Amino acid sequence: MTGPEDAPEAPTPVDEALAAAVDDPGTDVSDVDDQVLEHPGAPAGGDVRAIGPIWRQIARVFWEHKLAVVSLAFLVLMILFCWVGPIVYHTQQVNQQAVLLNPQNAAPGVTGYPLGTTETGFDVLGRIMYGGQTSLTVGLLSAAVATGIGVLYGSVAGVLGRWFDAVMMRVVDVVLSVPALFLLIALVTIFHASEVLLVFVIAGIAWLVPARLIRGETLTLRTREYVQAVRAVGGRGHRIIGRHIIPNAVGTIVVFATFQVATSILILAALGFLGFGVPAPQTDWGTMLSNGISAAGNGWWWEVYPVGIAIVLVVVALNFIGDALRDSLEVRTQRR
C-alpha cells in the first residue's frame, strides 16, 4: 500500500513549459515571459525565473538604476537642446560684426537675452547651444575612433601572441609614458586647430586604454573551446576576431566608449580653457569658460556658471549611464 508521500508530484508550470519545448522543436524558449514562476517545487535557492531574451535582461537591470535612466533622459534632452534648440531660438553665433549692436555683458533677464550676453555681445544661451554642438560632436566621434582603433589593435595583439604581442604592447607602454596633456598641446600647436583635428588628436591618446583592455579580454577568450575549434578547422585570425573575440567583448567595449565620451568632453574643455580649442568664430564649452574667467571677476557670473554647469551635468550623466551599462551587460554571465 502506498501512502500519500509516495504519490507522484503534480507537474509544475516550469515542467509543463519544458515538456512543451521538448515536444515542439520549433518552440523558442526566449518567447517565455520574463516573470517569476512561484510553485511549491521551487528549489531551495529561491524562485524560478524565466530567462527570456538577453536584451530584456539588459533593459531590466538598466532600468533598476534610476539615476542612469534619468541621466539618459537628460542626455537626450541636451542633444535636442544643442541641435534642435537653435532652430527654435534664433541667435547669431558666427558673425562677430553682426552682434556689435547687441548689449555687452547684459545680465540675464534683459529683453531678448534669457541668460544675458558675453563681453563681445553674443547671446549666452545660444552660445551654449552652439558650443555644445562642438563639444558633444568631438566627444562622440573621438570616443568612437579611439574605441575602434583600440579594439582592433588589442584584439590583433592578443590573437597573434608571442613576440607580436610583446612588441605591440611595448608601443602602447611608450606612448602611455608621455604626459597626455603636453602631447595634446604639442599636436594642436603644430597643426592648424580644427574640429576634425581635435577628434583625431584626442582619439590618438585615448585608444591606448581600450587596446590594453581588449588585449586582456582576447588572451582569455582565445583559450575557449569555440576559438580552439575555429583554429582546428583552419579559421583565420580575422574570422576569430570578427566572429568570436569582439562579440564576446562587447560589454567591455560599450562601457569604455560611454566613459570615453565623458573623458573626451573634459579633455576638449581643458584644451579650450588653455586656449587650444576650436578657432573663432567657432566655440566649445571649454573656450567659453576661458573667455568668461575675466568676466566672472567683474561679477558677470552668467558667462561662466551656465556653461560650467552644462559640462558637469553631461559628464556626470555619462558616468551614471556607463555604470549602469557595466552592471546590465554582466547579465550575460550572471542570470538574475
Protein backbone atom coordinates (compact mmCIF):
# COMPACT_ATOMS: atom_id res chain seq x y z
CA MET A 1 0.00 0.00 0.00
CA THR A 2 1.35 3.39 -0.91
CA GLY A 3 0.92 6.38 1.30
CA PRO A 4 0.36 9.99 0.37
CA GLU A 5 4.08 10.59 0.40
CA ASP A 6 4.52 8.02 -2.40
CA ALA A 7 2.02 9.71 -4.77
CA PRO A 8 3.55 11.26 -7.89
CA GLU A 9 4.08 15.00 -7.68
CA ALA A 10 1.91 17.23 -9.82
CA PRO A 11 3.77 18.84 -12.72
CA THR A 12 4.86 22.41 -12.09
CA PRO A 13 4.42 25.24 -14.60
CA VAL A 14 8.15 25.07 -15.33
CA ASP A 15 7.92 21.32 -16.01
CA GLU A 16 4.99 21.87 -18.35
CA ALA A 17 6.86 24.61 -20.24
CA LEU A 18 9.95 22.44 -20.60
CA ALA A 19 7.86 19.48 -21.76
CA ALA A 20 6.16 21.65 -24.37
CA ALA A 21 9.55 22.85 -25.61
CA VAL A 22 10.81 19.27 -25.94
CA ASP A 23 7.66 18.07 -27.75
CA ASP A 24 7.72 21.02 -30.15
CA PRO A 25 11.22 21.59 -31.56
CA GLY A 26 10.06 24.90 -33.04
CA THR A 27 9.35 26.38 -29.63
CA ASP A 28 11.59 29.34 -28.80
CA VAL A 29 12.26 29.43 -25.09
CA SER A 30 13.17 33.11 -25.42
CA ASP A 31 9.49 33.80 -26.02
CA VAL A 32 8.64 32.81 -22.47
CA ASP A 33 7.60 35.84 -20.43
CA ASP A 34 10.34 37.11 -18.13
CA GLN A 35 8.46 36.62 -14.89
CA VAL A 36 8.92 34.78 -11.64
CA LEU A 37 7.11 31.47 -11.57
CA GLU A 38 6.37 30.56 -7.97
CA HIS A 39 5.39 26.99 -7.18
CA PRO A 40 5.75 24.53 -4.31
CA GLY A 41 8.57 22.70 -6.06
CA ALA A 42 10.86 25.69 -6.33
CA PRO A 43 14.48 24.92 -5.40
CA ALA A 44 15.82 25.97 -2.03
CA GLY A 45 17.81 28.76 -3.63
CA GLY A 46 14.68 30.81 -4.33
CA ASP A 47 12.11 31.43 -7.02
CA VAL A 48 12.50 30.21 -10.57
CA ARG A 49 12.83 32.99 -13.13
CA ALA A 50 12.39 32.50 -16.83
CA ILE A 51 15.47 33.74 -18.64
CA GLY A 52 13.97 35.46 -21.70
CA PRO A 53 15.87 37.36 -24.39
CA ILE A 54 19.20 38.87 -23.44
CA TRP A 55 18.12 42.37 -24.44
CA ARG A 56 15.24 42.14 -21.99
CA GLN A 57 17.58 41.23 -19.16
CA ILE A 58 19.90 44.12 -20.04
CA ALA A 59 16.99 46.56 -20.18
CA ARG A 60 15.60 45.30 -16.85
CA VAL A 61 18.88 45.70 -14.99
CA PHE A 62 19.49 49.10 -16.58
CA TRP A 63 16.01 50.23 -15.54
CA GLU A 64 16.84 49.33 -11.94
CA HIS A 65 19.44 52.13 -11.98
CA LYS A 66 17.11 55.09 -11.64
CA LEU A 67 19.91 57.65 -11.79
CA ALA A 68 21.08 56.13 -15.08
CA VAL A 69 17.56 56.32 -16.54
CA VAL A 70 17.30 59.99 -15.50
CA SER A 71 20.78 60.60 -16.91
CA LEU A 72 19.85 59.02 -20.23
CA ALA A 73 16.75 61.21 -20.46
CA PHE A 74 18.83 64.28 -19.60
CA LEU A 75 21.44 63.40 -22.25
CA VAL A 76 18.74 63.07 -24.91
CA LEU A 77 17.31 66.43 -23.86
CA MET A 78 20.77 68.02 -24.02
CA ILE A 79 21.31 66.69 -27.55
CA LEU A 80 17.94 68.10 -28.59
CA PHE A 81 18.79 71.35 -26.82
CA CYS A 82 22.04 71.75 -28.77
CA TRP A 83 20.77 70.75 -32.21
CA VAL A 84 17.04 71.50 -32.22
CA GLY A 85 17.25 74.50 -29.89
CA PRO A 86 18.91 76.84 -32.44
CA ILE A 87 16.06 76.13 -34.86
CA VAL A 88 13.57 77.44 -32.31
CA TYR A 89 15.73 80.07 -30.60
CA HIS A 90 17.48 82.02 -33.37
CA THR A 91 20.72 83.79 -32.47
CA GLN A 92 23.81 84.96 -34.34
CA GLN A 93 26.83 82.90 -33.27
CA VAL A 94 29.12 83.04 -36.29
CA ASN A 95 29.46 86.66 -37.45
CA GLN A 96 31.12 88.92 -34.88
CA GLN A 97 30.21 92.03 -36.83
CA ALA A 98 26.52 91.14 -36.68
CA VAL A 99 26.44 91.26 -32.86
CA LEU A 100 28.28 94.54 -32.35
CA LEU A 101 24.98 96.33 -31.75
CA ASN A 102 23.96 93.85 -29.02
CA PRO A 103 24.43 94.98 -25.42
CA GLN A 104 27.69 93.69 -23.95
CA ASN A 105 27.72 91.83 -20.62
CA ALA A 106 23.94 92.18 -20.37
CA ALA A 107 22.55 90.47 -17.28
CA PRO A 108 20.07 87.58 -17.55
CA GLY A 109 16.50 88.73 -17.88
CA VAL A 110 17.22 91.59 -20.26
CA THR A 111 14.63 91.62 -23.03
CA GLY A 112 15.60 89.04 -25.63
CA TYR A 113 18.51 87.53 -23.65
CA PRO A 114 17.36 84.90 -21.10
CA LEU A 115 20.93 84.16 -19.94
CA GLY A 116 22.46 87.51 -20.82
CA THR A 117 25.25 88.26 -23.30
CA THR A 118 29.04 87.91 -23.36
CA GLU A 119 31.60 90.70 -23.42
CA THR A 120 31.55 90.53 -27.22
CA GLY A 121 27.75 90.68 -27.49
CA PHE A 122 26.98 87.02 -28.17
CA ASP A 123 23.82 85.59 -26.62
CA VAL A 124 24.91 83.21 -23.83
CA LEU A 125 22.00 80.77 -24.25
CA GLY A 126 22.59 80.49 -27.99
CA ARG A 127 26.34 80.27 -27.38
CA ILE A 128 25.87 77.27 -25.07
CA MET A 129 23.83 75.54 -27.80
CA TYR A 130 26.45 76.35 -30.45
CA GLY A 131 29.39 75.33 -28.27
CA GLY A 132 27.56 72.20 -27.15
CA GLN A 133 27.36 71.01 -30.75
CA THR A 134 31.16 71.12 -31.00
CA SER A 135 31.79 69.58 -27.57
CA LEU A 136 29.33 66.71 -27.99
CA THR A 137 30.39 66.03 -31.59
CA VAL A 138 34.09 65.91 -30.71
CA GLY A 139 33.35 63.80 -27.64
CA LEU A 140 31.25 61.24 -29.51
CA LEU A 141 33.45 61.00 -32.61
CA SER A 142 36.76 60.83 -30.72
CA ALA A 143 35.34 58.12 -28.45
CA ALA A 144 34.17 56.14 -31.49
CA VAL A 145 37.53 56.46 -33.26
CA ALA A 146 39.52 55.64 -30.12
CA THR A 147 37.35 52.61 -29.35
CA GLY A 148 37.58 51.29 -32.92
CA ILE A 149 41.36 51.63 -33.10
CA GLY A 150 41.88 50.24 -29.61
CA VAL A 151 39.61 47.23 -30.18
CA LEU A 152 41.34 46.26 -33.42
CA TYR A 153 44.84 46.82 -32.04
CA GLY A 154 44.23 44.95 -28.80
CA SER A 155 42.44 42.00 -30.42
CA VAL A 156 45.14 41.59 -33.06
CA ALA A 157 47.87 41.68 -30.40
CA GLY A 158 46.05 39.11 -28.28
CA VAL A 159 45.31 36.73 -31.16
CA LEU A 160 48.81 36.84 -32.66
CA GLY A 161 50.53 36.42 -29.31
CA ARG A 162 54.23 35.64 -28.88
CA TRP A 163 56.64 38.42 -29.91
CA PHE A 164 53.96 40.24 -31.91
CA ASP A 165 52.04 40.82 -28.72
CA ALA A 166 55.15 41.89 -26.83
CA VAL A 167 56.18 44.46 -29.45
CA MET A 168 52.68 45.89 -29.88
CA MET A 169 52.17 46.28 -26.12
CA ARG A 170 55.57 47.96 -25.69
CA VAL A 171 54.45 50.56 -28.22
CA VAL A 172 51.39 51.20 -26.07
CA ASP A 173 53.55 51.48 -22.94
CA VAL A 174 55.87 54.01 -24.60
CA VAL A 175 53.00 56.27 -25.71
CA LEU A 176 51.34 56.00 -22.30
CA SER A 177 54.56 57.18 -20.65
CA VAL A 178 54.24 60.57 -22.38
CA PRO A 179 52.09 63.09 -20.42
CA ALA A 180 48.82 63.23 -22.31
CA LEU A 181 48.10 66.93 -21.87
CA PHE A 182 51.55 68.01 -23.10
CA LEU A 183 51.23 65.70 -26.09
CA LEU A 184 47.80 67.14 -26.93
CA ILE A 185 49.03 70.72 -26.68
CA ALA A 186 52.05 69.93 -28.87
CA LEU A 187 49.92 68.33 -31.58
CA VAL A 188 47.33 71.11 -31.58
CA THR A 189 50.09 73.73 -31.72
CA ILE A 190 51.95 72.07 -34.59
CA PHE A 191 48.87 71.53 -36.73
CA HIS A 192 46.12 74.01 -37.51
CA ALA A 193 43.44 73.52 -34.88
CA SER A 194 40.07 72.39 -36.20
CA GLU A 195 37.19 70.22 -35.11
CA VAL A 196 38.42 67.27 -37.21
CA LEU A 197 41.97 67.62 -35.87
CA LEU A 198 40.74 67.66 -32.27
CA VAL A 199 38.78 64.46 -32.88
CA PHE A 200 41.85 62.58 -34.08
CA VAL A 201 44.23 64.17 -31.57
CA ILE A 202 42.05 63.15 -28.62
CA ALA A 203 41.47 59.71 -30.14
CA GLY A 204 45.23 59.42 -30.71
CA ILE A 205 45.85 59.18 -26.97
CA ALA A 206 42.55 57.61 -25.92
CA TRP A 207 42.88 54.38 -27.94
CA LEU A 208 45.65 53.10 -25.68
CA VAL A 209 43.31 52.19 -22.82
CA PRO A 210 40.84 50.06 -24.86
CA ALA A 211 43.80 48.41 -26.59
CA ARG A 212 45.06 47.08 -23.26
CA LEU A 213 41.56 46.15 -22.07
CA ILE A 214 40.65 44.23 -25.23
CA ARG A 215 44.06 42.58 -25.36
CA GLY A 216 43.40 41.21 -21.86
CA GLU A 217 39.94 40.01 -22.91
CA THR A 218 41.42 38.38 -26.01
CA LEU A 219 44.04 36.48 -24.02
CA THR A 220 41.21 34.97 -22.01
CA LEU A 221 38.81 34.31 -24.89
CA ARG A 222 41.36 32.72 -27.22
CA THR A 223 41.69 29.75 -24.86
CA ARG A 224 37.96 28.94 -25.04
CA GLU A 225 36.81 25.78 -26.78
CA TYR A 226 34.94 27.53 -29.60
CA VAL A 227 38.02 29.56 -30.56
CA GLN A 228 40.19 26.44 -30.48
CA ALA A 229 37.62 24.70 -32.69
CA VAL A 230 37.85 27.51 -35.25
CA ARG A 231 41.62 27.20 -35.26
CA ALA A 232 41.36 23.43 -35.66
CA VAL A 233 39.26 23.74 -38.83
CA GLY A 234 41.63 26.30 -40.32
CA GLY A 235 39.85 29.52 -39.38
CA ARG A 236 41.99 32.60 -39.88
CA GLY A 237 42.69 35.35 -37.38
CA HIS A 238 40.25 37.87 -38.87
CA ARG A 239 37.40 35.38 -38.51
CA ILE A 240 38.33 34.68 -34.88
CA ILE A 241 38.45 38.40 -34.13
CA GLY A 242 35.30 39.36 -36.01
CA ARG A 243 33.08 36.42 -35.07
CA HIS A 244 34.24 35.47 -31.58
CA ILE A 245 36.58 37.95 -29.84
CA ILE A 246 34.79 41.26 -30.47
CA PRO A 247 31.21 39.97 -29.98
CA ASN A 248 32.17 38.39 -26.65
CA ALA A 249 33.96 41.56 -25.51
CA VAL A 250 31.10 43.88 -26.47
CA GLY A 251 30.30 44.63 -22.83
CA THR A 252 33.79 45.99 -22.17
CA ILE A 253 33.73 47.91 -25.44
CA VAL A 254 30.38 49.63 -24.83
CA VAL A 255 31.22 50.58 -21.24
CA PHE A 256 34.59 52.04 -22.24
CA ALA A 257 33.05 54.00 -25.12
CA THR A 258 30.49 55.55 -22.75
CA PHE A 259 33.12 56.66 -20.26
CA GLN A 260 35.39 57.86 -23.07
CA VAL A 261 32.73 60.27 -24.35
CA ALA A 262 32.76 61.98 -20.94
CA THR A 263 36.57 61.95 -20.85
CA SER A 264 36.80 63.43 -24.35
CA ILE A 265 34.42 66.25 -23.43
CA LEU A 266 36.60 67.06 -20.40
CA ILE A 267 39.79 66.93 -22.50
CA LEU A 268 38.30 69.28 -25.07
CA ALA A 269 37.14 71.59 -22.27
CA ALA A 270 40.69 71.60 -20.84
CA LEU A 271 42.21 72.40 -24.24
CA GLY A 272 39.65 75.14 -24.85
CA PHE A 273 40.26 76.58 -21.39
CA LEU A 274 44.00 76.75 -22.16
CA GLY A 275 43.31 78.46 -25.47
CA PHE A 276 43.83 75.46 -27.75
CA GLY A 277 40.20 74.80 -28.65
CA VAL A 278 38.44 75.29 -31.94
CA PRO A 279 39.30 78.56 -33.70
CA ALA A 280 36.90 81.51 -33.73
CA PRO A 281 34.17 82.11 -34.70
CA GLN A 282 33.56 78.50 -33.62
CA THR A 283 33.49 77.80 -29.93
CA ASP A 284 33.20 74.98 -27.44
CA TRP A 285 32.30 74.82 -23.78
CA GLY A 286 35.94 74.99 -22.65
CA THR A 287 36.62 78.07 -24.76
CA MET A 288 33.51 79.70 -23.30
CA LEU A 289 34.85 79.05 -19.80
CA SER A 290 38.20 80.56 -20.73
CA ASN A 291 36.59 83.67 -22.20
CA GLY A 292 34.36 84.09 -19.18
CA ILE A 293 37.06 83.98 -16.47
CA SER A 294 37.77 87.70 -16.57
CA ALA A 295 34.04 88.38 -16.74
CA ALA A 296 33.46 86.33 -13.58
CA GLY A 297 35.97 88.51 -11.75
CA ASN A 298 33.85 91.52 -12.62
CA GLY A 299 30.71 89.89 -11.29
CA TRP A 300 29.32 88.75 -14.65
CA TRP A 301 28.73 85.21 -13.43
CA TRP A 302 26.33 84.28 -16.26
CA GLU A 303 29.28 83.98 -18.66
CA VAL A 304 30.81 81.12 -16.64
CA TYR A 305 28.32 79.28 -14.45
CA PRO A 306 25.72 78.15 -17.04
CA VAL A 307 28.30 76.55 -19.34
CA GLY A 308 30.19 75.12 -16.35
CA ILE A 309 27.01 73.50 -15.04
CA ALA A 310 26.31 72.10 -18.53
CA ILE A 311 29.74 70.42 -18.62
CA VAL A 312 29.37 68.95 -15.14
CA LEU A 313 25.86 67.61 -15.73
CA VAL A 314 26.72 65.99 -19.08
CA VAL A 315 29.85 64.32 -17.71
CA VAL A 316 28.08 63.08 -14.57
CA ALA A 317 25.16 61.76 -16.68
CA LEU A 318 27.55 59.83 -18.93
CA ASN A 319 29.26 58.29 -15.91
CA PHE A 320 25.95 57.16 -14.42
CA ILE A 321 25.00 55.63 -17.77
CA GLY A 322 28.36 53.86 -18.00
CA ASP A 323 27.99 52.40 -14.51
CA ALA A 324 24.50 51.09 -15.34
CA LEU A 325 25.67 49.59 -18.63
CA ARG A 326 28.54 47.84 -16.87
CA ASP A 327 26.10 46.20 -14.47
CA SER A 328 23.46 45.38 -17.08
CA LEU A 329 25.88 43.87 -19.59
CA GLU A 330 27.14 41.49 -16.89
CA VAL A 331 23.74 39.77 -17.20
CA ARG A 332 25.37 37.67 -19.92
CA THR A 333 27.40 35.94 -17.21
CA GLN A 334 25.02 36.14 -14.25
CA ARG A 335 21.35 35.19 -14.56
CA ARG A 336 19.15 37.37 -12.38
